[in-house]
Amino acid sequence: MPKMKTKSSCKKRFKISASGRVIAGQAGKSHGMIKRTKKFIRNARGTTTLSKADEQIIKPMMPYSR
């Protein structure tokens, strides 16, 4: 049986944590920061874990990640 391929878009954007959750970068930070509130910019630093529903979409695209 040949190896399954990982979606290139997923390997660039997501990681799987040790507990099996999907980690992604925060959304809404590419441009337009001047109109965002200071609170939004502060809260959108770093990474976040996806919801269970979003994980079900991403995980099949990454077959070899735990």
PDB file of N, CA and C in Angstrom:
ATOM      1  N   MET A   1       0.851  -1.189   0.000  1.00  0.00           N
ATOM      2  CA  MET A   1       0.000   0.000   0.000  1.00  0.00           C
ATOM      3  C   MET A   1       0.896   1.253   0.000  1.00  0.00           C
ATOM      4  N   PRO A   2       0.660   2.204  -0.885  1.00  0.00           N
ATOM      5  CA  PRO A   2       1.507   3.409  -0.893  1.00  0.00           C
ATOM      6  C   PRO A   2       1.223   4.304   0.298  1.00  0.00           C
ATOM      7  N   LYS A   3       2.188   5.163   0.589  1.00  0.00           N
ATOM      8  CA  LYS A   3       2.020   6.096   1.702  1.00  0.00           C
ATOM      9  C   LYS A   3       0.943   7.124   1.373  1.00  0.00           C
ATOM     10  N   MET A   4       0.234   7.568   2.398  1.00  0.00           N
ATOM     11  CA  MET A   4      -0.745   8.646   2.216  1.00  0.00           C
ATOM     12  C   MET A   4      -0.005   9.974   2.265  1.00  0.00           C
ATOM     13  N   LYS A   5      -0.519  10.943   1.523  1.00  0.00           N
ATOM     14  CA  LYS A   5       0.122  12.250   1.512  1.00  0.00           C
ATOM     15  C   LYS A   5      -0.542  13.179   2.519  1.00  0.00           C
ATOM     16  N   THR A   6       0.283  14.003   3.155  1.00  0.00           N
ATOM     17  CA  THR A   6      -0.212  15.059   4.037  1.00  0.00           C
ATOM     18  C   THR A   6      -0.508  16.270   3.175  1.00  0.00           C
ATOM     19  N   LYS A   7      -1.640  16.943   3.433  1.00  0.00           N
ATOM     20  CA  LYS A   7      -1.964  18.167   2.698  1.00  0.00           C
ATOM     21  C   LYS A   7      -0.897  19.216   2.979  1.00  0.00           C
ATOM     22  N   SER A   8      -0.345  19.805   1.929  1.00  0.00           N
ATOM     23  CA  SER A   8       0.718  20.795   2.089  1.00  0.00           C
ATOM     24  C   SER A   8       0.240  22.001   2.874  1.00  0.00           C
ATOM     25  N   SER A   9      -0.999  22.401   2.660  1.00  0.00           N
ATOM     26  CA  SER A   9      -1.521  23.576   3.368  1.00  0.00           C
ATOM     27  C   SER A   9      -1.597  23.308   4.867  1.00  0.00           C
ATOM     28  N   CYS A  10      -1.917  22.083   5.257  1.00  0.00           N
ATOM     29  CA  CYS A  10      -2.025  21.746   6.678  1.00  0.00           C
ATOM     30  C   CYS A  10      -0.659  21.656   7.339  1.00  0.00           C
ATOM     31  N   LYS A  11       0.315  21.105   6.625  1.00  0.00           N
ATOM     32  CA  LYS A  11       1.632  20.965   7.253  1.00  0.00           C
ATOM     33  C   LYS A  11       2.271  22.324   7.489  1.00  0.00           C
ATOM     34  N   LYS A  12       1.878  23.328   6.691  1.00  0.00           N
ATOM     35  CA  LYS A  12       2.406  24.674   6.874  1.00  0.00           C
ATOM     36  C   LYS A  12       1.712  25.426   8.003  1.00  0.00           C
ATOM     37  N   ARG A  13       0.448  25.120   8.253  1.00  0.00           N
ATOM     38  CA  ARG A  13      -0.362  25.945   9.140  1.00  0.00           C
ATOM     39  C   ARG A  13      -0.659  25.357  10.507  1.00  0.00           C
ATOM     40  N   PHE A  14      -0.570  24.032  10.659  1.00  0.00           N
ATOM     41  CA  PHE A  14      -1.017  23.390  11.890  1.00  0.00           C
ATOM     42  C   PHE A  14       0.047  22.467  12.469  1.00  0.00           C
ATOM     43  N   LYS A  15      -0.014  22.295  13.802  1.00  0.00           N
ATOM     44  CA  LYS A  15       0.813  21.325  14.516  1.00  0.00           C
ATOM     45  C   LYS A  15      -0.114  20.544  15.431  1.00  0.00           C
ATOM     46  N   ILE A  16       0.307  19.342  15.796  1.00  0.00           N
ATOM     47  CA  ILE A  16      -0.454  18.546  16.753  1.00  0.00           C
ATOM     48  C   ILE A  16       0.281  18.592  18.088  1.00  0.00           C
ATOM     49  N   SER A  17      -0.443  18.913  19.156  1.00  0.00           N
ATOM     50  CA  SER A  17       0.166  18.991  20.481  1.00  0.00           C
ATOM     51  C   SER A  17       0.375  17.584  21.042  1.00  0.00           C
ATOM     52  N   ALA A  18       1.057  17.502  22.164  1.00  0.00           N
ATOM     53  CA  ALA A  18       1.331  16.208  22.791  1.00  0.00           C
ATOM     54  C   ALA A  18       0.049  15.509  23.214  1.00  0.00           C
ATOM     55  N   SER A  19      -0.984  16.280  23.560  1.00  0.00           N
ATOM     56  CA  SER A  19      -2.252  15.679  23.970  1.00  0.00           C
ATOM     57  C   SER A  19      -3.161  15.377  22.782  1.00  0.00           C
ATOM     58  N   GLY A  20      -2.702  15.709  21.565  1.00  0.00           N
ATOM     59  CA  GLY A  20      -3.486  15.375  20.375  1.00  0.00           C
ATOM     60  C   GLY A  20      -4.365  16.489  19.854  1.00  0.00           C
ATOM     61  N   ARG A  21      -4.305  17.668  20.460  1.00  0.00           N
ATOM     62  CA  ARG A  21      -5.096  18.800  19.975  1.00  0.00           C
ATOM     63  C   ARG A  21      -4.371  19.474  18.818  1.00  0.00           C
ATOM     64  N   VAL A  22      -5.114  20.197  17.976  1.00  0.00           N
ATOM     65  CA  VAL A  22      -4.515  20.884  16.831  1.00  0.00           C
ATOM     66  C   VAL A  22      -4.203  22.332  17.226  1.00  0.00           C
ATOM     67  N   ILE A  23      -2.954  22.755  16.966  1.00  0.00           N
ATOM     68  CA  ILE A  23      -2.505  24.104  17.297  1.00  0.00           C
ATOM     69  C   ILE A  23      -2.401  24.902  16.003  1.00  0.00           C
ATOM     70  N   ALA A  24      -2.926  26.128  16.016  1.00  0.00           N
ATOM     71  CA  ALA A  24      -2.886  26.992  14.836  1.00  0.00           C
ATOM     72  C   ALA A  24      -2.554  28.413  15.257  1.00  0.00           C
ATOM     73  N   GLY A  25      -2.105  29.202  14.310  1.00  0.00           N
ATOM     74  CA  GLY A  25      -1.852  30.611  14.570  1.00  0.00           C
ATOM     75  C   GLY A  25      -3.160  31.361  14.720  1.00  0.00           C
ATOM     76  N   GLN A  26      -3.117  32.478  15.401  1.00  0.00           N
ATOM     77  CA  GLN A  26      -4.314  33.285  15.597  1.00  0.00           C
ATOM     78  C   GLN A  26      -4.748  33.931  14.288  1.00  0.00           C
ATOM     79  N   ALA A  27      -6.043  34.028  14.074  1.00  0.00           N
ATOM     80  CA  ALA A  27      -6.578  34.620  12.846  1.00  0.00           C
ATOM     81  C   ALA A  27      -6.719  36.133  12.984  1.00  0.00           C
ATOM     82  N   GLY A  28      -6.730  36.810  11.854  1.00  0.00           N
ATOM     83  CA  GLY A  28      -7.047  38.232  11.817  1.00  0.00           C
ATOM     84  C   GLY A  28      -5.893  39.154  12.131  1.00  0.00           C
ATOM     85  N   LYS A  29      -4.639  38.703  11.916  1.00  0.00           N
ATOM     86  CA  LYS A  29      -3.502  39.545  12.268  1.00  0.00           C
ATOM     87  C   LYS A  29      -2.611  39.879  11.075  1.00  0.00           C
ATOM     88  N   SER A  30      -3.075  39.652   9.839  1.00  0.00           N
ATOM     89  CA  SER A  30      -2.189  39.905   8.707  1.00  0.00           C
ATOM     90  C   SER A  30      -2.102  41.380   8.344  1.00  0.00           C
ATOM     91  N   HIS A  31      -3.208  42.076   8.439  1.00  0.00           N
ATOM     92  CA  HIS A  31      -3.206  43.502   8.088  1.00  0.00           C
ATOM     93  C   HIS A  31      -4.391  44.172   8.763  1.00  0.00           C
ATOM     94  N   GLY A  32      -4.453  45.497   8.670  1.00  0.00           N
ATOM     95  CA  GLY A  32      -5.572  46.234   9.259  1.00  0.00           C
ATOM     96  C   GLY A  32      -5.494  46.353  10.766  1.00  0.00           C
ATOM     97  N   MET A  33      -4.277  46.377  11.326  1.00  0.00           N
ATOM     98  CA  MET A  33      -4.137  46.437  12.783  1.00  0.00           C
ATOM     99  C   MET A  33      -4.585  47.782  13.356  1.00  0.00           C
ATOM    100  N   ILE A  34      -4.569  48.814  12.536  1.00  0.00           N
ATOM    101  CA  ILE A  34      -4.897  50.143  13.050  1.00  0.00           C
ATOM    102  C   ILE A  34      -6.369  50.233  13.487  1.00  0.00           C
ATOM    103  N   LYS A  35      -7.211  49.443  12.844  1.00  0.00           N
ATOM    104  CA  LYS A  35      -8.631  49.482  13.209  1.00  0.00           C
ATOM    105  C   LYS A  35      -8.998  48.481  14.303  1.00  0.00           C
ATOM    106  N   ARG A  36      -8.088  47.597  14.647  1.00  0.00           N
ATOM    107  CA  ARG A  36      -8.354  46.625  15.709  1.00  0.00           C
ATOM    108  C   ARG A  36      -8.141  47.283  17.070  1.00  0.00           C
ATOM    109  N   THR A  37      -8.853  46.766  18.062  1.00  0.00           N
ATOM    110  CA  THR A  37      -8.671  47.304  19.414  1.00  0.00           C
ATOM    111  C   THR A  37      -7.378  46.753  19.995  1.00  0.00           C
ATOM    112  N   LYS A  38      -6.859  47.470  20.985  1.00  0.00           N
ATOM    113  CA  LYS A  38      -5.636  47.021  21.666  1.00  0.00           C
ATOM    114  C   LYS A  38      -5.873  45.667  22.334  1.00  0.00           C
ATOM    115  N   LYS A  39      -7.067  45.480  22.860  1.00  0.00           N
ATOM    116  CA  LYS A  39      -7.405  44.223  23.520  1.00  0.00           C
ATOM    117  C   LYS A  39      -7.366  43.056  22.525  1.00  0.00           C
ATOM    118  N   PHE A  40      -7.882  43.261  21.314  1.00  0.00           N
ATOM    119  CA  PHE A  40      -7.860  42.209  20.295  1.00  0.00           C
ATOM    120  C   PHE A  40      -6.425  41.830  19.940  1.00  0.00           C
ATOM    121  N   ILE A  41      -5.586  42.834  19.718  1.00  0.00           N
ATOM    122  CA  ILE A  41      -4.196  42.583  19.339  1.00  0.00           C
ATOM    123  C   ILE A  41      -3.471  41.822  20.443  1.00  0.00           C
ATOM    124  N   ARG A  42      -3.723  42.202  21.692  1.00  0.00           N
ATOM    125  CA  ARG A  42      -3.107  41.537  22.841  1.00  0.00           C
ATOM    126  C   ARG A  42      -3.556  40.077  22.926  1.00  0.00           C
ATOM    127  N   ASN A  43      -4.843  39.854  22.780  1.00  0.00           N
ATOM    128  CA  ASN A  43      -5.391  38.504  22.922  1.00  0.00           C
ATOM    129  C   ASN A  43      -5.048  37.598  21.746  1.00  0.00           C
ATOM    130  N   ALA A  44      -4.693  38.178  20.611  1.00  0.00           N
ATOM    131  CA  ALA A  44      -4.415  37.380  19.419  1.00  0.00           C
ATOM    132  C   ALA A  44      -2.929  37.078  19.238  1.00  0.00           C
ATOM    133  N   ARG A  45      -2.127  37.232  20.280  1.00  0.00           N
ATOM    134  CA  ARG A  45      -0.712  36.878  20.190  1.00  0.00           C
ATOM    135  C   ARG A  45      -0.541  35.368  20.196  1.00  0.00           C
ATOM    136  N   GLY A  46       0.544  34.924  19.615  1.00  0.00           N
ATOM    137  CA  GLY A  46       0.909  33.511  19.722  1.00  0.00           C
ATOM    138  C   GLY A  46      -0.012  32.576  18.966  1.00  0.00           C
ATOM    139  N   THR A  47      -0.288  31.424  19.553  1.00  0.00           N
ATOM    140  CA  THR A  47      -1.088  30.390  18.894  1.00  0.00           C
ATOM    141  C   THR A  47      -2.311  30.060  19.737  1.00  0.00           C
ATOM    142  N   THR A  48      -3.203  29.278  19.151  1.00  0.00           N
ATOM    143  CA  THR A  48      -4.408  28.846  19.846  1.00  0.00           C
ATOM    144  C   THR A  48      -4.717  27.405  19.478  1.00  0.00           C
ATOM    145  N   THR A  49      -5.524  26.729  20.277  1.00  0.00           N
ATOM    146  CA  THR A  49      -5.956  25.373  19.932  1.00  0.00           C
ATOM    147  C   THR A  49      -7.307  25.456  19.241  1.00  0.00           C
ATOM    148  N   LEU A  50      -7.501  24.616  18.251  1.00  0.00           N
ATOM    149  CA  LEU A  50      -8.749  24.629  17.498  1.00  0.00           C
ATOM    150  C   LEU A  50      -9.852  23.910  18.283  1.00  0.00           C
ATOM    151  N   SER A  51     -11.078  24.206  17.913  1.00  0.00           N
ATOM    152  CA  SER A  51     -12.214  23.543  18.544  1.00  0.00           C
ATOM    153  C   SER A  51     -12.304  22.099  18.049  1.00  0.00           C
ATOM    154  N   LYS A  52     -13.082  21.285  18.723  1.00  0.00           N
ATOM    155  CA  LYS A  52     -13.235  19.880  18.357  1.00  0.00           C
ATOM    156  C   LYS A  52     -13.771  19.736  16.937  1.00  0.00           C
ATOM    157  N   ALA A  53     -14.730  20.585  16.562  1.00  0.00           N
ATOM    158  CA  ALA A  53     -15.320  20.508  15.229  1.00  0.00           C
ATOM    159  C   ALA A  53     -14.286  20.818  14.148  1.00  0.00           C
ATOM    160  N   ASP A  54     -13.426  21.797  14.395  1.00  0.00           N
ATOM    161  CA  ASP A  54     -12.389  22.138  13.422  1.00  0.00           C
ATOM    162  C   ASP A  54     -11.306  21.058  13.369  1.00  0.00           C
ATOM    163  N   GLU A  55     -11.035  20.430  14.511  1.00  0.00           N
ATOM    164  CA  GLU A  55     -10.045  19.351  14.540  1.00  0.00           C
ATOM    165  C   GLU A  55     -10.467  18.195  13.648  1.00  0.00           C
ATOM    166  N   GLN A  56     -11.757  17.900  13.620  1.00  0.00           N
ATOM    167  CA  GLN A  56     -12.253  16.791  12.810  1.00  0.00           C
ATOM    168  C   GLN A  56     -12.044  17.044  11.325  1.00  0.00           C
ATOM    169  N   ILE A  57     -11.944  18.308  10.927  1.00  0.00           N
ATOM    170  CA  ILE A  57     -11.690  18.647   9.528  1.00  0.00           C
ATOM    171  C   ILE A  57     -10.200  18.513   9.217  1.00  0.00           C
ATOM    172  N   ILE A  58      -9.354  18.957  10.138  1.00  0.00           N
ATOM    173  CA  ILE A  58      -7.912  19.042   9.891  1.00  0.00           C
ATOM    174  C   ILE A  58      -7.211  17.690  10.043  1.00  0.00           C
ATOM    175  N   LYS A  59      -7.562  16.909  11.050  1.00  0.00           N
ATOM    176  CA  LYS A  59      -6.823  15.680  11.356  1.00  0.00           C
ATOM    177  C   LYS A  59      -6.769  14.670  10.205  1.00  0.00           C
ATOM    178  N   PRO A  60      -7.844  14.460   9.438  1.00  0.00           N
ATOM    179  CA  PRO A  60      -7.719  13.514   8.308  1.00  0.00           C
ATOM    180  C   PRO A  60      -6.734  13.962   7.236  1.00  0.00           C
ATOM    181  N   MET A  61      -6.460  15.244   7.176  1.00  0.00           N
ATOM    182  CA  MET A  61      -5.518  15.754   6.180  1.00  0.00           C
ATOM    183  C   MET A  61      -4.072  15.575   6.608  1.00  0.00           C
ATOM    184  N   MET A  62      -3.860  15.169   7.872  1.00  0.00           N
ATOM    185  CA  MET A  62      -2.517  14.954   8.410  1.00  0.00           C
ATOM    186  C   MET A  62      -2.430  13.521   8.946  1.00  0.00           C
ATOM    187  N   PRO A  63      -2.328  12.528   8.072  1.00  0.00           N
ATOM    188  CA  PRO A  63      -2.455  11.137   8.515  1.00  0.00           C
ATOM    189  C   PRO A  63      -1.336  10.645   9.435  1.00  0.00           C
ATOM    190  N   TYR A  64      -0.136  11.225   9.356  1.00  0.00           N
ATOM    191  CA  TYR A  64       0.980  10.702  10.151  1.00  0.00           C
ATOM    192  C   TYR A  64       1.294  11.523  11.376  1.00  0.00           C
ATOM    193  N   SER A  65       0.411  12.432  11.735  1.00  0.00           N
ATOM    194  CA  SER A  65       0.622  13.205  12.968  1.00  0.00           C
ATOM    195  C   SER A  65      -0.160  12.523  14.065  1.00  0.00           C
ATOM    196  N   ARG A  66       0.531  11.966  15.054  1.00  0.00           N
ATOM    197  CA  ARG A  66      -0.047  11.229  16.169  1.00  0.00           C
ATOM    198  C   ARG A  66      -1.533  11.064  16.134  1.00  0.00           C
TER     199      ARG A  66
END
